[in-house]
Protein backbone atom coordinates (compact mmCIF):
# COMPACT_ATOMS: atom_id res chain seq x y z
CA MET A 1 -8.69 -22.82 9.72
CA THR A 2 -8.34 -20.26 7.07
CA THR A 3 -5.10 -20.09 5.14
CA ILE A 4 -3.37 -16.41 4.45
CA ALA A 5 -0.60 -15.85 2.12
CA VAL A 6 1.43 -12.50 2.48
CA LEU A 7 3.50 -11.03 -0.02
CA GLY A 8 6.05 -8.99 1.61
CA ALA A 9 7.68 -9.39 5.07
CA GLY A 10 7.85 -5.79 5.78
CA VAL A 11 6.84 -4.66 9.50
CA MET A 12 3.35 -4.11 9.05
CA ALA A 13 2.68 -7.15 6.80
CA SER A 14 4.72 -9.16 9.52
CA ALA A 15 2.89 -7.43 12.58
CA LEU A 16 -0.60 -8.73 11.06
CA THR A 17 0.57 -11.91 11.43
CA ASN A 18 -0.32 -11.74 15.18
CA PRO A 19 -4.08 -11.50 15.10
CA ALA A 20 -4.46 -14.00 12.24
CA ARG A 21 -2.29 -16.58 14.21
CA ASP A 22 -4.05 -15.93 17.43
CA ASN A 23 -7.14 -16.50 15.95
CA GLY A 24 -5.77 -20.02 14.80
CA HIS A 25 -5.14 -19.42 11.01
CA GLU A 26 -2.54 -20.51 8.95
CA VAL A 27 0.09 -17.59 7.86
CA ARG A 28 2.54 -18.10 5.06
CA LEU A 29 4.71 -14.89 4.97
CA ILE A 30 6.46 -14.56 1.72
CA GLY A 31 9.39 -12.22 1.37
CA THR A 32 10.07 -10.20 -1.62
CA HIS A 33 13.28 -10.54 -3.41
CA LEU A 34 14.46 -7.90 -1.29
CA ASP A 35 13.30 -9.56 1.88
CA ASP A 36 15.69 -12.59 1.85
CA HIS A 37 17.74 -11.24 5.14
CA ILE A 38 14.21 -11.01 6.87
CA ILE A 39 13.14 -14.50 6.05
CA ASP A 40 16.73 -15.68 7.21
CA SER A 41 16.26 -14.15 10.39
CA ILE A 42 12.78 -15.67 11.07
CA LYS A 43 13.82 -19.12 9.96
CA ALA A 44 16.66 -18.94 12.02
CA THR A 45 15.39 -17.31 15.40
CA ARG A 46 11.89 -16.40 14.88
CA VAL A 47 12.68 -12.53 15.25
CA HIS A 48 11.76 -10.21 12.71
CA PRO A 49 15.04 -8.18 12.13
CA VAL A 50 13.21 -4.83 12.06
CA LEU A 51 10.40 -5.21 14.49
CA LYS A 52 12.95 -6.70 16.72
CA VAL A 53 9.89 -8.82 17.93
CA ALA A 54 9.54 -12.64 17.64
CA LEU A 55 6.76 -13.74 15.44
CA ASP A 56 4.57 -16.74 16.26
CA GLU A 57 6.18 -20.11 16.10
CA ASN A 58 3.70 -21.35 13.37
CA VAL A 59 4.17 -18.39 10.85
CA GLN A 60 5.37 -20.20 7.75
CA PRO A 61 8.40 -18.13 6.16
CA TYR A 62 8.86 -18.34 2.35
CA TYR A 63 11.77 -16.84 0.23
CA PHE A 64 10.22 -15.14 -2.88
CA THR A 65 11.66 -17.92 -5.38
CA GLU A 66 8.65 -20.15 -3.22
CA ALA A 67 5.87 -17.57 -3.83
CA ALA A 68 3.89 -19.84 -6.04
CA GLN A 69 3.66 -22.75 -3.68
CA ALA A 70 2.80 -20.37 -0.70
CA VAL A 71 -0.06 -18.54 -2.60
CA ALA A 72 -1.27 -21.72 -4.20
CA GLY A 73 -4.60 -22.72 -2.42
CA ALA A 74 -4.62 -19.54 -0.01
CA ASP A 75 -7.87 -18.32 0.81
CA VAL A 76 -6.82 -14.68 1.46
CA VAL A 77 -3.65 -13.09 -0.33
CA MET A 78 -2.46 -9.94 1.58
CA VAL A 79 -0.34 -7.26 -0.21
CA GLY A 80 2.09 -5.96 1.89
CA VAL A 81 5.08 -4.39 -0.34
CA ASN A 82 5.74 -0.57 0.22
CA SER A 83 4.08 1.38 -2.34
CA PHE A 84 7.25 1.65 -4.38
CA GLY A 85 6.62 -2.02 -5.30
CA ILE A 86 3.21 -1.80 -6.09
CA ASP A 87 3.54 -1.90 -9.94
CA TRP A 88 5.85 -4.82 -9.19
CA ALA A 89 3.19 -6.76 -6.94
CA GLY A 90 1.14 -6.39 -9.82
CA GLU A 91 3.23 -8.30 -12.09
CA GLN A 92 3.49 -11.10 -9.60
CA LEU A 93 -0.50 -11.22 -8.69
CA ALA A 94 -1.09 -11.73 -12.46
CA ARG A 95 0.70 -14.87 -12.15
CA LEU A 96 0.11 -16.10 -8.55
CA LEU A 97 -3.67 -15.27 -7.95
CA GLU A 98 -6.29 -18.23 -8.21
CA PRO A 99 -10.00 -17.73 -8.56
CA GLY A 100 -12.04 -17.14 -5.41
CA GLN A 101 -9.20 -15.58 -3.51
CA LYS A 102 -9.68 -12.64 -1.57
CA VAL A 103 -7.15 -10.09 -1.71
CA LEU A 104 -6.27 -7.86 1.20
CA VAL A 105 -4.07 -4.79 0.51
CA ILE A 106 -2.14 -2.84 2.99
CA THR A 107 0.06 -0.74 1.14
CA LYS A 108 -1.01 3.03 1.08
CA GLY A 109 -0.67 5.55 -1.51
CA LEU A 110 -2.11 7.01 -4.68
CA GLN A 111 -0.85 6.94 -8.33
CA ALA A 112 -1.67 9.41 -11.33
CA ASP A 113 -2.33 8.79 -14.68
CA ALA A 114 -0.68 11.08 -17.42
CA ASP A 115 -3.71 13.28 -17.12
CA GLY A 116 -3.38 14.02 -13.42
CA THR A 117 -6.50 11.47 -12.62
CA LEU A 118 -5.54 9.92 -9.36
CA ARG A 119 -6.09 6.06 -8.60
CA ILE A 120 -6.12 4.34 -5.17
CA LEU A 121 -3.35 1.79 -5.09
CA PRO A 122 -5.82 -1.38 -4.93
CA HIS A 123 -7.16 -0.02 -8.23
CA VAL A 124 -3.80 0.10 -9.62
CA LEU A 125 -3.20 -3.54 -8.78
CA GLN A 126 -6.68 -4.45 -10.25
CA ARG A 127 -5.64 -3.01 -13.56
CA ALA A 128 -2.47 -4.58 -13.24
CA VAL A 129 -3.43 -8.38 -12.89
CA GLY A 130 -5.53 -8.13 -15.80
CA PRO A 131 -8.56 -10.69 -16.12
CA ILE A 132 -8.20 -12.68 -13.09
CA ALA A 133 -9.08 -9.30 -11.07
CA ASP A 134 -12.67 -10.04 -11.88
CA ARG A 135 -12.36 -13.37 -10.26
CA VAL A 136 -11.14 -12.46 -7.05
CA THR A 137 -12.38 -9.90 -4.39
CA TRP A 138 -10.53 -6.70 -3.20
CA SER A 139 -10.41 -5.18 0.30
CA ALA A 140 -7.92 -3.20 2.15
CA ILE A 141 -7.06 -2.17 5.82
CA VAL A 142 -6.81 1.45 6.75
CA GLY A 143 -6.66 3.21 9.77
CA PRO A 144 -4.11 4.24 12.79
CA CYS A 145 -2.05 1.39 13.50
CA ILE A 146 1.71 1.28 14.24
CA ALA A 147 3.50 -1.96 13.12
CA GLY A 148 5.42 -1.95 16.42
CA GLU A 149 2.71 -1.64 18.56
CA LEU A 150 0.61 -4.58 17.02
CA ALA A 151 3.73 -6.54 17.06
CA VAL A 152 3.60 -6.28 20.65
CA ARG A 153 -0.54 -6.32 20.94
CA ARG A 154 -0.92 -2.87 21.89
CA PRO A 155 -4.66 -1.86 21.19
CA SER A 156 -5.59 -0.82 17.48
CA CYS A 157 -8.89 0.02 16.08
CA VAL A 158 -8.86 -0.20 12.12
CA VAL A 159 -11.35 -0.44 9.21
CA PHE A 160 -11.77 -2.99 6.93
CA ALA A 161 -12.64 -1.27 3.22
CA GLY A 162 -13.69 -3.13 0.40
CA GLU A 163 -16.07 -3.68 -2.62
CA ASP A 164 -17.61 -6.69 -1.33
CA ARG A 165 -19.42 -6.96 1.87
CA ALA A 166 -19.35 -10.74 2.43
CA SER A 167 -15.63 -10.68 2.03
CA LEU A 168 -15.29 -8.01 4.60
CA ASP A 169 -17.30 -9.76 6.85
CA PHE A 170 -15.32 -12.89 6.54
CA LEU A 171 -12.18 -10.93 6.82
CA ALA A 172 -13.26 -9.14 9.77
CA GLU A 173 -13.88 -12.37 11.52
CA LEU A 174 -10.60 -13.81 10.60
CA TYR A 175 -8.66 -10.71 12.32
CA GLY A 176 -10.43 -9.48 14.96
CA THR A 177 -9.32 -9.81 18.37
CA ASP A 178 -9.67 -8.19 21.86
CA TYR A 179 -6.41 -5.82 20.85
CA TYR A 180 -7.37 -5.43 17.20
CA HIS A 181 -10.65 -4.05 16.57
CA VAL A 182 -11.93 -4.20 13.00
CA TRP A 183 -14.81 -2.07 11.64
CA THR A 184 -15.79 -2.51 8.18
CA SER A 185 -17.06 -0.37 4.92
CA THR A 186 -17.83 -0.54 1.29
CA ASP A 187 -16.68 3.34 0.96
CA PHE A 188 -13.31 1.66 -0.51
CA VAL A 189 -12.30 4.74 -2.09
CA GLY A 190 -13.07 7.06 0.72
CA HIS A 191 -11.05 5.06 3.02
CA GLU A 192 -8.38 4.53 0.88
CA VAL A 193 -7.97 8.06 -0.27
CA GLY A 194 -8.04 9.20 3.32
CA ALA A 195 -5.46 6.79 4.36
CA ALA A 196 -3.05 7.68 1.29
CA THR A 197 -3.21 11.65 1.73
CA LYS A 198 -2.79 11.84 5.44
CA ASN A 199 0.95 10.86 4.88
CA VAL A 200 1.16 14.12 2.84
CA TYR A 201 0.11 16.19 5.70
CA ALA A 202 2.32 14.26 8.45
CA PHE A 203 5.29 15.69 6.45
CA GLY A 204 4.12 18.95 7.99
CA ALA A 205 3.86 17.98 11.50
CA GLY A 206 7.68 18.02 11.81
CA PHE A 207 7.98 21.84 10.99
CA ALA A 208 7.05 23.37 14.41
CA PRO A 209 9.51 21.23 16.30
CA GLY A 210 12.17 22.18 13.50
CA ILE A 211 11.68 26.05 13.95
CA LEU A 212 11.85 25.50 17.72
CA LYS A 213 15.11 23.53 17.64
CA ALA A 214 16.45 25.98 15.22
CA ARG A 215 15.91 28.78 17.47
CA GLY A 216 16.95 26.65 20.61
CA GLU A 217 13.53 27.11 22.04
CA GLN A 218 12.29 23.30 22.14
CA ASP A 219 12.53 23.36 25.77
CA ALA A 220 10.66 26.79 26.42
CA PRO A 221 7.53 26.77 28.33
CA TYR A 222 5.47 28.04 25.68
CA VAL A 223 5.90 26.01 22.04
CA MET A 224 4.00 26.07 18.83
CA PHE A 225 1.04 23.76 19.55
CA ASN A 226 -1.10 26.49 17.75
CA TYR A 227 0.67 26.51 14.56
CA SER A 228 0.80 22.84 14.77
CA ALA A 229 -2.92 22.28 15.48
CA ALA A 230 -4.02 24.92 12.44
CA LEU A 231 -1.73 22.95 9.96
CA PHE A 232 -3.09 19.76 11.17
CA ALA A 233 -6.90 21.25 10.72
CA GLN A 234 -5.91 22.41 6.96
CA GLY A 235 -4.62 18.91 6.37
CA SER A 236 -7.81 17.63 7.39
CA ARG A 237 -10.02 19.95 5.30
CA GLU A 238 -7.96 19.02 2.31
CA ILE A 239 -8.33 15.12 3.20
CA HIS A 240 -12.08 15.68 2.97
CA GLN A 241 -11.74 17.35 -0.25
CA PHE A 242 -9.50 14.77 -1.94
CA ILE A 243 -11.80 11.77 -0.82
CA GLU A 244 -14.92 14.01 -2.41
CA LEU A 245 -12.58 14.70 -5.44
CA LEU A 246 -11.94 11.03 -6.28
CA GLY A 247 -15.46 10.00 -5.46
CA GLY A 248 -15.88 8.62 -1.61
CA ASP A 249 -17.80 9.85 0.94
CA PRO A 250 -16.49 12.98 2.72
CA LYS A 251 -17.66 11.90 6.17
CA THR A 252 -14.90 9.22 5.93
CA GLY A 253 -12.28 11.74 6.88
CA ASP A 254 -13.69 11.94 10.05
CA GLY A 255 -12.96 8.58 11.11
CA LEU A 256 -9.98 6.23 11.54
CA ALA A 257 -8.73 6.40 7.70
CA GLY A 258 -8.81 10.35 8.26
CA VAL A 259 -7.94 12.18 11.37
CA GLY A 260 -7.25 9.18 12.95
CA ASP A 261 -4.74 8.06 10.76
CA MET A 262 -3.19 11.66 10.24
CA LEU A 263 -2.79 11.93 13.77
CA VAL A 264 -1.03 8.73 14.40
CA THR A 265 1.51 9.51 11.40
CA SER A 266 2.01 12.82 12.69
CA LEU A 267 3.26 11.68 15.98
CA GLY A 268 6.45 10.81 14.78
CA GLY A 269 8.27 8.68 11.88
CA ARG A 270 10.71 9.44 9.10
CA ASN A 271 8.57 11.70 7.09
CA VAL A 272 7.96 13.74 10.29
CA ARG A 273 11.77 13.79 10.83
CA ALA A 274 12.04 15.10 7.32
CA GLY A 275 9.71 17.85 7.66
CA GLU A 276 11.80 18.83 10.92
CA TYR A 277 14.74 19.36 9.18
CA VAL A 278 12.90 21.68 6.41
CA GLY A 279 11.60 23.57 10.03
CA GLN A 280 15.22 24.29 10.87
CA GLY A 281 15.78 25.57 7.55
CA VAL A 282 17.28 22.96 5.68
CA PRO A 283 16.40 22.86 1.66
CA PHE A 284 14.71 19.49 1.25
CA SER A 285 17.10 18.65 -1.48
CA GLU A 286 19.64 18.66 1.39
CA VAL A 287 17.42 16.76 3.56
CA ARG A 288 16.87 14.21 0.72
CA ASP A 289 20.57 13.62 -0.46
CA VAL A 290 22.33 14.28 2.81
CA HIS A 291 20.73 14.12 6.18
CA MET A 292 18.42 11.17 5.26
CA LYS A 293 19.89 9.78 2.26
CA GLY A 294 18.84 6.01 1.37
CA ILE A 295 15.82 6.26 3.77
CA THR A 296 12.48 5.53 2.46
CA LEU A 297 10.13 8.55 2.50
CA GLU A 298 6.71 7.17 1.28
CA GLY A 299 5.05 10.45 2.64
CA VAL A 300 7.21 12.76 0.76
CA ALA A 301 6.85 10.54 -2.50
CA ALA A 302 3.04 10.91 -2.01
CA VAL A 303 3.60 14.88 -1.84
CA GLY A 304 5.33 14.65 -5.38
CA VAL A 305 2.60 12.56 -7.09
CA ILE A 306 -0.40 14.46 -5.56
CA GLY A 307 1.46 17.81 -6.00
CA ALA A 308 2.00 17.20 -9.90
CA ALA A 309 -1.52 15.66 -10.11
CA LEU A 310 -3.14 18.84 -8.86
CA GLU A 311 -1.14 21.07 -11.59
CA LYS A 312 -2.63 18.96 -14.43
CA LEU A 313 -6.11 18.63 -12.66
CA THR A 314 -6.00 22.54 -12.42
CA ALA A 315 -5.14 22.95 -15.96
CA ARG A 316 -7.82 20.42 -16.97
CA GLY A 317 -10.44 22.65 -14.81
CA VAL A 318 -11.02 19.85 -12.46
CA VAL A 319 -9.86 21.61 -9.77
CA ARG A 320 -9.60 25.48 -8.91
CA PRO A 321 -6.41 27.06 -8.25
CA GLU A 322 -7.46 28.19 -5.01
CA ASP A 323 -8.10 24.25 -3.77
CA PHE A 324 -5.53 22.24 -1.68
CA PRO A 325 -3.35 25.25 -0.86
CA LEU A 326 -1.55 23.19 1.66
CA ALA A 327 -0.76 20.17 -0.70
CA ARG A 328 0.36 22.45 -3.26
CA TYR A 329 2.90 24.30 -1.02
CA LEU A 330 4.44 21.27 0.24
CA TYR A 331 5.04 20.08 -3.26
CA ARG A 332 6.75 23.69 -3.92
CA VAL A 333 8.80 22.81 -0.84
CA VAL A 334 9.82 19.24 -1.80
CA THR A 335 10.15 20.02 -5.49
CA GLN A 336 11.39 23.47 -5.54
CA ASP A 337 13.33 23.83 -2.14
CA GLU A 338 10.68 26.52 -1.36
CA PRO A 339 11.46 28.18 2.04
CA LEU A 340 9.22 27.33 4.77
CA ASN A 341 6.77 30.39 4.99
CA LEU A 342 3.27 28.77 5.26
CA PRO A 343 0.53 30.68 2.97
CA TRP A 344 -1.74 31.06 6.31
CA GLY A 345 -3.93 33.64 4.37
CA SER A 346 -5.01 30.82 1.53
CA PHE A 347 -6.16 28.13 4.23
CA PHE A 348 -9.64 27.63 5.23
CA GLY A 349 -11.30 28.73 1.98
CA GLY A 350 -9.15 32.14 2.43
CA GLU A 351 -8.55 34.51 5.22
CA PRO A 352 -10.97 37.25 5.51
CA VAL A 353 -8.75 39.89 6.75
CA THR A 354 -5.32 40.30 5.80
CA ALA A 355 -2.68 40.27 8.45
CA ARG A 356 -0.97 43.78 8.54
């Protein structure tokens, strides 16, 4: 039996206790300092208060004050905090990790250095934890997997990507079940970049439904699938370009961590809802401050990080001004309240014939 310590009791980290427990492994679920209410609920009823699903009776819940005890002696340490907590998680891992442990990251996103250089979050963690980083292995889970579906054991297909092939094989064996299907890849950067940038483009998936709602045409026989498909295709093109820019294999964008993950994220959720408001003509600042005040929008945050980085990378000559037109446009929507008027002519390498 393998012991897995999970830092963060959010929905995905908690849902991932299912395949590990179904395979007979020990799971220690550690709430962050913001998760006490979740751990309270699990201890009292076994029910995760956000998922509304009971966790396996043998999942062991820990408060953050007990983190050192929970991580001690674990074979695998999963990082399940949201992207806003990644720097905090790095500080904790620096004191908690032990040599030989296998770190498995499920947090998605990118961080940018002062010069615009973008980094995947596992690399941010590696830098934050210091010398111990070289004495553990680093892997991540990517792909289209909604936490609630996993919590009730709906079929999912994912990729475990990382730097060490032996660790990937070990982790895939820990988690693979008849409903949780695992592939592995050493294109760590490519998979992480695809999984992070897809959130940028999922924001745009709400535009067409919002436009139709504003017109009172949401139930019309002909809607805006053409619009949404073209937007999705440009997003896919830019995901492939981001993967190549950061040193991954562009073909990775064809799979689960690219178009697969973008599709599932585009089918609903908070970031799509934010895009729907924009489609209705609501300035994004109003969406953020009024309609969705207090709601975490990781995808929109990614738009801000990546858009600002693109400006710096363009100034340095790393990317061309005409590259990533959709990401740049979404950045203006989010940071400058630019009205919704997609720059179609700049997509797919530039429209050869200008519309009259």
